[in-house]
């Protein structure tokens, strides 16, 4: 399963319906997140890490 598919599954499991994808960037409630692999090894980790995109941080200034 691709990172994008895992991120979509994670968002839907959380009950969030206001999201979309702009290429490989997840956009939730107007905030952009990069999708990264997570290798933390924690029990229950789904292997996906979402980080606020630098472009959304810069536009908030």
C-alpha atoms as a PDB file:
ATOM      1  CA  UNK A   1       0.000   0.000   0.000  1.00  0.00           C
ATOM      2  CA  UNK A   2       1.387   3.432  -0.948  1.00  0.00           C
ATOM      3  CA  UNK A   3       2.063   6.174   1.600  1.00  0.00           C
ATOM      4  CA  UNK A   4      -0.706   8.252   0.038  1.00  0.00           C
ATOM      5  CA  UNK A   5      -3.204   5.389   0.464  1.00  0.00           C
ATOM      6  CA  UNK A   6      -2.100   4.848   4.073  1.00  0.00           C
ATOM      7  CA  UNK A   7      -2.459   8.577   4.786  1.00  0.00           C
ATOM      8  CA  UNK A   8      -5.962   8.562   3.308  1.00  0.00           C
ATOM      9  CA  UNK A   9      -6.875   5.560   5.456  1.00  0.00           C
ATOM     10  CA  UNK A  10      -5.470   7.312   8.558  1.00  0.00           C
ATOM     11  CA  UNK A  11      -7.504  10.472   7.879  1.00  0.00           C
ATOM     12  CA  UNK A  12     -10.718   8.556   7.230  1.00  0.00           C
ATOM     13  CA  UNK A  13     -10.226   6.452  10.392  1.00  0.00           C
ATOM     14  CA  UNK A  14      -9.977   9.727  12.307  1.00  0.00           C
ATOM     15  CA  UNK A  15     -13.394  10.772  11.003  1.00  0.00           C
ATOM     16  CA  UNK A  16     -12.096  13.720   8.968  1.00  0.00           C
ATOM     17  CA  UNK A  17     -14.023  14.257   5.755  1.00  0.00           C
ATOM     18  CA  UNK A  18     -12.722  17.704   4.757  1.00  0.00           C
ATOM     19  CA  UNK A  19      -9.505  16.651   3.011  1.00  0.00           C
ATOM     20  CA  UNK A  20      -8.006  16.343  -0.460  1.00  0.00           C
ATOM     21  CA  UNK A  21      -4.668  15.654  -2.105  1.00  0.00           C
ATOM     22  CA  UNK A  22      -2.589  18.077  -4.155  1.00  0.00           C
ATOM     23  CA  UNK A  23      -0.150  15.660  -5.809  1.00  0.00           C
ATOM     24  CA  UNK A  24       1.539  14.071  -2.770  1.00  0.00           C
ATOM     25  CA  UNK A  25       0.495  16.772  -0.297  1.00  0.00           C
ATOM     26  CA  UNK A  26      -2.465  16.111   1.994  1.00  0.00           C
ATOM     27  CA  UNK A  27      -4.716  19.138   2.477  1.00  0.00           C
ATOM     28  CA  UNK A  28      -6.918  18.943   5.583  1.00  0.00           C
ATOM     29  CA  UNK A  29      -9.140  21.825   6.606  1.00  0.00           C
ATOM     30  CA  UNK A  30      -6.976  24.194   4.544  1.00  0.00           C
ATOM     31  CA  UNK A  31      -3.673  23.063   6.093  1.00  0.00           C
ATOM     32  CA  UNK A  32      -1.097  21.295   3.885  1.00  0.00           C
ATOM     33  CA  UNK A  33       0.814  18.246   5.175  1.00  0.00           C
ATOM     34  CA  UNK A  34       3.688  16.321   3.656  1.00  0.00           C
ATOM     35  CA  UNK A  35       3.337  12.546   3.875  1.00  0.00           C
ATOM     36  CA  UNK A  36       6.386  10.669   5.174  1.00  0.00           C
ATOM     37  CA  UNK A  37       7.182   7.104   6.125  1.00  0.00           C
ATOM     38  CA  UNK A  38       7.391   6.507   9.871  1.00  0.00           C
ATOM     39  CA  UNK A  39       9.746   3.857  11.196  1.00  0.00           C
ATOM     40  CA  UNK A  40       9.307   4.560  14.910  1.00  0.00           C
ATOM     41  CA  UNK A  41       8.462   0.941  15.733  1.00  0.00           C
ATOM     42  CA  UNK A  42       5.767   1.919  18.225  1.00  0.00           C
ATOM     43  CA  UNK A  43       2.970  -0.618  18.652  1.00  0.00           C
ATOM     44  CA  UNK A  44      -0.026   0.488  16.609  1.00  0.00           C
ATOM     45  CA  UNK A  45       2.006   2.791  14.327  1.00  0.00           C
ATOM     46  CA  UNK A  46       0.499   2.791  10.843  1.00  0.00           C
ATOM     47  CA  UNK A  47       3.792   3.733   9.170  1.00  0.00           C
ATOM     48  CA  UNK A  48       2.673   7.231   8.157  1.00  0.00           C
ATOM     49  CA  UNK A  49       3.846  10.566   9.539  1.00  0.00           C
ATOM     50  CA  UNK A  50       2.140  13.837   8.599  1.00  0.00           C
ATOM     51  CA  UNK A  51       4.100  17.073   8.906  1.00  0.00           C
ATOM     52  CA  UNK A  52       2.847  20.572   8.230  1.00  0.00           C
ATOM     53  CA  UNK A  53       4.193  21.623   4.865  1.00  0.00           C
ATOM     54  CA  UNK A  54       6.719  24.461   4.906  1.00  0.00           C
ATOM     55  CA  UNK A  55       4.678  26.272   2.267  1.00  0.00           C
ATOM     56  CA  UNK A  56       1.673  26.436   4.607  1.00  0.00           C
ATOM     57  CA  UNK A  57       3.881  27.622   7.475  1.00  0.00           C
ATOM     58  CA  UNK A  58       5.375  30.402   5.347  1.00  0.00           C
ATOM     59  CA  UNK A  59       1.986  31.605   4.153  1.00  0.00           C
ATOM     60  CA  UNK A  60       0.774  31.979   7.728  1.00  0.00           C
ATOM     61  CA  UNK A  61       3.294  34.742   8.465  1.00  0.00           C
END
